[in-house]
Amino acid sequence: MAGDKNHYEMAFSGLLVEAGGRALAVNEARRPVLNGIQLKNFDFLVNGLETVWALDLKGRRDRPWITRTDLFSMMGWKSLLGDAAEPAFLFAFFQPPHAAPGRAALLDCTPHETPAGVYRFCLLPIAAAQRIARPRSEKWGTFGFEWPAFARAVLPLESILPLPSTV
């Protein structure tokens, strides 16, 4: 199965395997250039219920954030892919065993229990990310999301992927 670079990718791959789904991991060594700027690759290409999704996985503990490069690259992929696939950020919030659930437990997301802990997956489509992203750190070139806006914008994986309702 695709995605074995870190525990977030392994958890997402495990969820897909348990659900009978498949994904392709993207070759990080080859990056396209758009308007003279090299794009960062997304992590997974997944067949959804109605469309193919180009997902950039963001493993987080509590706060959702992305980099300027993440946002620019996913916007570039939107332009390159056209109607062939829909780019989105896939946030994976991790809760170690015996840790109190954080606010991510209140999100409309897809929980996935593993021996390492609980992962809560939620999807943020690129249009929503563009709309609600706010500068977080100028020095590091990051964007954050106000929690109420983020909570309203994210989707559980069941809404876009063919996952059993018991996952």
C-alpha atoms as a PDB file:
ATOM      1  CA  MET A   1       0.000   0.000   0.000  1.00  0.00           C
ATOM      2  CA  ALA A   2       1.103   3.536  -0.649  1.00  0.00           C
ATOM      3  CA  GLY A   3       2.332   5.821   2.070  1.00  0.00           C
ATOM      4  CA  ASP A   4       4.871   4.537   4.542  1.00  0.00           C
ATOM      5  CA  LYS A   5       7.091   7.578   5.153  1.00  0.00           C
ATOM      6  CA  ASN A   6       5.709   8.424   8.602  1.00  0.00           C
ATOM      7  CA  HIS A   7       3.139   7.201  11.102  1.00  0.00           C
ATOM      8  CA  TYR A   8       0.425   9.503   9.734  1.00  0.00           C
ATOM      9  CA  GLU A   9       0.823   8.057   6.232  1.00  0.00           C
ATOM     10  CA  MET A  10       0.920   4.513   7.600  1.00  0.00           C
ATOM     11  CA  ALA A  11      -2.289   5.151   9.577  1.00  0.00           C
ATOM     12  CA  PHE A  12      -4.072   6.544   6.512  1.00  0.00           C
ATOM     13  CA  SER A  13      -2.849   3.638   4.376  1.00  0.00           C
ATOM     14  CA  GLY A  14      -4.035   1.230   7.076  1.00  0.00           C
ATOM     15  CA  LEU A  15      -7.481   2.830   7.122  1.00  0.00           C
ATOM     16  CA  LEU A  16      -7.729   2.463   3.344  1.00  0.00           C
ATOM     17  CA  VAL A  17      -6.603  -1.173   3.453  1.00  0.00           C
ATOM     18  CA  GLU A  18      -9.184  -2.010   6.143  1.00  0.00           C
ATOM     19  CA  ALA A  19     -11.867  -0.317   4.038  1.00  0.00           C
ATOM     20  CA  GLY A  20     -10.778  -2.143   0.872  1.00  0.00           C
ATOM     21  CA  GLY A  21      -9.649   1.094  -0.776  1.00  0.00           C
ATOM     22  CA  ARG A  22      -6.502   1.828  -2.694  1.00  0.00           C
ATOM     23  CA  ALA A  23      -4.263   4.832  -3.138  1.00  0.00           C
ATOM     24  CA  LEU A  24      -1.188   5.722  -5.112  1.00  0.00           C
ATOM     25  CA  ALA A  25       1.697   7.423  -3.364  1.00  0.00           C
ATOM     26  CA  VAL A  26       3.338  10.153  -5.406  1.00  0.00           C
ATOM     27  CA  ASN A  27       6.984   9.978  -6.489  1.00  0.00           C
ATOM     28  CA  GLU A  28       8.601  12.780  -4.497  1.00  0.00           C
ATOM     29  CA  ALA A  29      11.711  12.775  -6.697  1.00  0.00           C
ATOM     30  CA  ARG A  30       9.861  14.212  -9.706  1.00  0.00           C
ATOM     31  CA  ARG A  31       8.231  17.596  -9.304  1.00  0.00           C
ATOM     32  CA  PRO A  32       6.433  19.603 -11.972  1.00  0.00           C
ATOM     33  CA  VAL A  33       7.178  23.231 -12.710  1.00  0.00           C
ATOM     34  CA  LEU A  34       4.382  25.772 -13.091  1.00  0.00           C
ATOM     35  CA  ASN A  35       5.201  29.300 -14.283  1.00  0.00           C
ATOM     36  CA  GLY A  36       8.874  28.674 -13.527  1.00  0.00           C
ATOM     37  CA  ILE A  37       8.246  27.534  -9.939  1.00  0.00           C
ATOM     38  CA  GLN A  38       8.692  23.942  -8.819  1.00  0.00           C
ATOM     39  CA  LEU A  39       5.585  22.526  -7.114  1.00  0.00           C
ATOM     40  CA  LYS A  40       5.631  20.398  -3.987  1.00  0.00           C
ATOM     41  CA  ASN A  41       3.969  17.062  -4.660  1.00  0.00           C
ATOM     42  CA  PHE A  42       0.812  15.936  -2.933  1.00  0.00           C
ATOM     43  CA  ASP A  43       1.020  12.622  -1.047  1.00  0.00           C
ATOM     44  CA  PHE A  44      -1.832  10.408  -2.289  1.00  0.00           C
ATOM     45  CA  LEU A  45      -4.052  10.025  -5.310  1.00  0.00           C
ATOM     46  CA  VAL A  46      -7.284   8.363  -4.171  1.00  0.00           C
ATOM     47  CA  ASN A  47     -10.444   7.324  -6.000  1.00  0.00           C
ATOM     48  CA  GLY A  48     -13.365   8.967  -4.256  1.00  0.00           C
ATOM     49  CA  LEU A  49     -17.108   8.507  -4.490  1.00  0.00           C
ATOM     50  CA  GLU A  50     -17.536  11.051  -7.275  1.00  0.00           C
ATOM     51  CA  THR A  51     -14.042  12.287  -8.101  1.00  0.00           C
ATOM     52  CA  VAL A  52     -10.353  11.473  -7.809  1.00  0.00           C
ATOM     53  CA  TRP A  53      -8.660  13.297  -4.932  1.00  0.00           C
ATOM     54  CA  ALA A  54      -5.072  14.583  -4.828  1.00  0.00           C
ATOM     55  CA  LEU A  55      -4.427  14.633  -1.083  1.00  0.00           C
ATOM     56  CA  ASP A  56      -1.643  16.419   0.761  1.00  0.00           C
ATOM     57  CA  LEU A  57      -1.524  14.741   4.180  1.00  0.00           C
ATOM     58  CA  LYS A  58      -0.830  16.995   7.159  1.00  0.00           C
ATOM     59  CA  GLY A  59      -0.138  15.158  10.403  1.00  0.00           C
ATOM     60  CA  ARG A  60      -0.908  17.342  13.403  1.00  0.00           C
ATOM     61  CA  ARG A  61      -1.443  17.002  17.145  1.00  0.00           C
ATOM     62  CA  ASP A  62      -3.786  19.916  17.790  1.00  0.00           C
ATOM     63  CA  ARG A  63      -3.455  22.949  15.538  1.00  0.00           C
ATOM     64  CA  PRO A  64      -4.156  22.817  11.800  1.00  0.00           C
ATOM     65  CA  TRP A  65      -1.620  24.727   9.733  1.00  0.00           C
ATOM     66  CA  ILE A  66       0.007  24.637   6.296  1.00  0.00           C
ATOM     67  CA  THR A  67       2.937  26.370   4.657  1.00  0.00           C
ATOM     68  CA  ARG A  68       2.818  28.964   1.912  1.00  0.00           C
ATOM     69  CA  THR A  69       4.498  26.360  -0.326  1.00  0.00           C
ATOM     70  CA  ASP A  70       1.759  23.822   0.510  1.00  0.00           C
ATOM     71  CA  LEU A  71      -0.992  26.254  -0.471  1.00  0.00           C
ATOM     72  CA  PHE A  72       0.740  27.513  -3.617  1.00  0.00           C
ATOM     73  CA  SER A  73       1.581  23.972  -4.734  1.00  0.00           C
ATOM     74  CA  MET A  74      -1.941  22.634  -4.235  1.00  0.00           C
ATOM     75  CA  MET A  75      -3.339  25.636  -6.132  1.00  0.00           C
ATOM     76  CA  GLY A  76      -0.830  24.809  -8.886  1.00  0.00           C
ATOM     77  CA  TRP A  77      -1.980  21.191  -8.911  1.00  0.00           C
ATOM     78  CA  LYS A  78      -5.563  22.414  -9.275  1.00  0.00           C
ATOM     79  CA  SER A  79      -4.479  24.260 -12.400  1.00  0.00           C
ATOM     80  CA  LEU A  80      -2.458  21.311 -13.774  1.00  0.00           C
ATOM     81  CA  LEU A  81      -5.019  18.604 -12.992  1.00  0.00           C
ATOM     82  CA  GLY A  82      -8.066  20.532 -14.166  1.00  0.00           C
ATOM     83  CA  ASP A  83     -11.095  18.258 -13.858  1.00  0.00           C
ATOM     84  CA  ALA A  84      -9.008  15.065 -13.583  1.00  0.00           C
ATOM     85  CA  ALA A  85      -8.609  15.317  -9.784  1.00  0.00           C
ATOM     86  CA  GLU A  86      -9.579  17.577  -6.901  1.00  0.00           C
ATOM     87  CA  PRO A  87      -6.725  18.765  -4.629  1.00  0.00           C
ATOM     88  CA  ALA A  88      -7.327  18.906  -0.889  1.00  0.00           C
ATOM     89  CA  PHE A  89      -5.481  18.859   2.406  1.00  0.00           C
ATOM     90  CA  LEU A  90      -6.048  15.751   4.494  1.00  0.00           C
ATOM     91  CA  PHE A  91      -5.488  16.559   8.162  1.00  0.00           C
ATOM     92  CA  ALA A  92      -4.632  13.669  10.474  1.00  0.00           C
ATOM     93  CA  PHE A  93      -4.900  14.621  14.135  1.00  0.00           C
ATOM     94  CA  PHE A  94      -3.095  12.157  16.385  1.00  0.00           C
ATOM     95  CA  GLN A  95      -4.065  11.291  19.950  1.00  0.00           C
ATOM     96  CA  PRO A  96      -1.576   9.015  21.754  1.00  0.00           C
ATOM     97  CA  PRO A  97      -2.917   6.277  24.033  1.00  0.00           C
ATOM     98  CA  HIS A  98      -4.015   7.502  27.458  1.00  0.00           C
ATOM     99  CA  ALA A  99      -3.957  11.150  26.309  1.00  0.00           C
ATOM    100  CA  ALA A 100      -7.056  13.244  26.800  1.00  0.00           C
ATOM    101  CA  PRO A 101      -8.941  13.881  23.569  1.00  0.00           C
ATOM    102  CA  GLY A 102      -8.165  17.317  22.182  1.00  0.00           C
ATOM    103  CA  ARG A 103     -10.518  19.600  20.346  1.00  0.00           C
ATOM    104  CA  ALA A 104     -10.011  17.549  17.177  1.00  0.00           C
ATOM    105  CA  ALA A 105     -12.288  14.968  18.808  1.00  0.00           C
ATOM    106  CA  LEU A 106     -15.129  17.476  18.323  1.00  0.00           C
ATOM    107  CA  LEU A 107     -14.562  17.767  14.558  1.00  0.00           C
ATOM    108  CA  ASP A 108     -16.715  16.013  11.986  1.00  0.00           C
ATOM    109  CA  CYS A 109     -13.924  13.625  11.087  1.00  0.00           C
ATOM    110  CA  THR A 110     -13.153   9.953  10.559  1.00  0.00           C
ATOM    111  CA  PRO A 111     -11.552   8.287  13.582  1.00  0.00           C
ATOM    112  CA  HIS A 112      -9.140   5.406  13.048  1.00  0.00           C
ATOM    113  CA  GLU A 113      -7.854   3.459  16.043  1.00  0.00           C
ATOM    114  CA  THR A 114      -4.409   1.860  15.896  1.00  0.00           C
ATOM    115  CA  PRO A 115      -2.151   0.373  18.579  1.00  0.00           C
ATOM    116  CA  ALA A 116      -0.188   3.648  18.454  1.00  0.00           C
ATOM    117  CA  GLY A 117      -3.261   5.778  19.204  1.00  0.00           C
ATOM    118  CA  VAL A 118      -6.266   7.351  17.535  1.00  0.00           C
ATOM    119  CA  TYR A 119      -6.032   9.284  14.284  1.00  0.00           C
ATOM    120  CA  ARG A 120      -8.834  11.624  13.284  1.00  0.00           C
ATOM    121  CA  PHE A 121      -8.908  12.332   9.550  1.00  0.00           C
ATOM    122  CA  CYS A 122     -10.680  15.281   7.969  1.00  0.00           C
ATOM    123  CA  LEU A 123     -10.493  16.772   4.518  1.00  0.00           C
ATOM    124  CA  LEU A 124     -10.123  20.464   3.715  1.00  0.00           C
ATOM    125  CA  PRO A 125     -10.800  21.154   0.015  1.00  0.00           C
ATOM    126  CA  ILE A 126      -8.395  23.606  -1.599  1.00  0.00           C
ATOM    127  CA  ALA A 127     -11.104  26.256  -2.171  1.00  0.00           C
ATOM    128  CA  ALA A 128     -11.962  26.218   1.542  1.00  0.00           C
ATOM    129  CA  ALA A 129      -8.276  26.342   2.503  1.00  0.00           C
ATOM    130  CA  GLN A 130      -7.762  29.406   0.305  1.00  0.00           C
ATOM    131  CA  ARG A 131     -10.807  31.081   1.826  1.00  0.00           C
ATOM    132  CA  ILE A 132     -10.069  30.509   5.519  1.00  0.00           C
ATOM    133  CA  ALA A 133      -6.244  30.444   5.700  1.00  0.00           C
ATOM    134  CA  ARG A 134      -4.763  33.240   7.817  1.00  0.00           C
ATOM    135  CA  PRO A 135      -1.084  34.171   8.163  1.00  0.00           C
ATOM    136  CA  ARG A 136       0.399  32.358  11.152  1.00  0.00           C
ATOM    137  CA  SER A 137       4.135  33.053  10.943  1.00  0.00           C
ATOM    138  CA  GLU A 138       5.693  35.392   8.413  1.00  0.00           C
ATOM    139  CA  LYS A 139       9.161  34.116   9.365  1.00  0.00           C
ATOM    140  CA  TRP A 140       8.275  30.476   8.661  1.00  0.00           C
ATOM    141  CA  GLY A 141       5.789  31.188   5.862  1.00  0.00           C
ATOM    142  CA  THR A 142       2.887  29.395   7.504  1.00  0.00           C
ATOM    143  CA  PHE A 143      -0.867  29.790   7.518  1.00  0.00           C
ATOM    144  CA  GLY A 144      -3.209  28.733  10.276  1.00  0.00           C
ATOM    145  CA  PHE A 145      -6.954  28.449  10.501  1.00  0.00           C
ATOM    146  CA  GLU A 146      -9.324  29.937  13.028  1.00  0.00           C
ATOM    147  CA  TRP A 147     -10.813  26.911  14.731  1.00  0.00           C
ATOM    148  CA  PRO A 148     -14.528  27.694  14.196  1.00  0.00           C
ATOM    149  CA  ALA A 149     -13.971  28.332  10.461  1.00  0.00           C
ATOM    150  CA  PHE A 150     -11.845  25.199  10.154  1.00  0.00           C
ATOM    151  CA  ALA A 151     -14.457  23.077  11.965  1.00  0.00           C
ATOM    152  CA  ARG A 152     -17.177  24.300   9.586  1.00  0.00           C
ATOM    153  CA  ALA A 153     -15.071  23.721   6.452  1.00  0.00           C
ATOM    154  CA  VAL A 154     -13.689  20.212   6.974  1.00  0.00           C
ATOM    155  CA  LEU A 155     -15.342  17.023   5.769  1.00  0.00           C
ATOM    156  CA  PRO A 156     -15.129  13.486   7.165  1.00  0.00           C
ATOM    157  CA  LEU A 157     -13.573  10.960   4.814  1.00  0.00           C
ATOM    158  CA  GLU A 158     -16.894   9.108   4.502  1.00  0.00           C
ATOM    159  CA  SER A 159     -18.261  12.072   2.591  1.00  0.00           C
ATOM    160  CA  ILE A 160     -15.710  11.686  -0.218  1.00  0.00           C
ATOM    161  CA  LEU A 161     -14.338   8.137  -0.014  1.00  0.00           C
ATOM    162  CA  PRO A 162     -16.050   4.752  -0.160  1.00  0.00           C
ATOM    163  CA  LEU A 163     -15.519   3.822   3.494  1.00  0.00           C
ATOM    164  CA  PRO A 164     -17.820   1.601   5.520  1.00  0.00           C
ATOM    165  CA  SER A 165     -19.865   3.593   8.024  1.00  0.00           C
ATOM    166  CA  THR A 166     -18.404   1.553  10.887  1.00  0.00           C
ATOM    167  CA  VAL A 167     -14.831   2.776  10.286  1.00  0.00           C
END
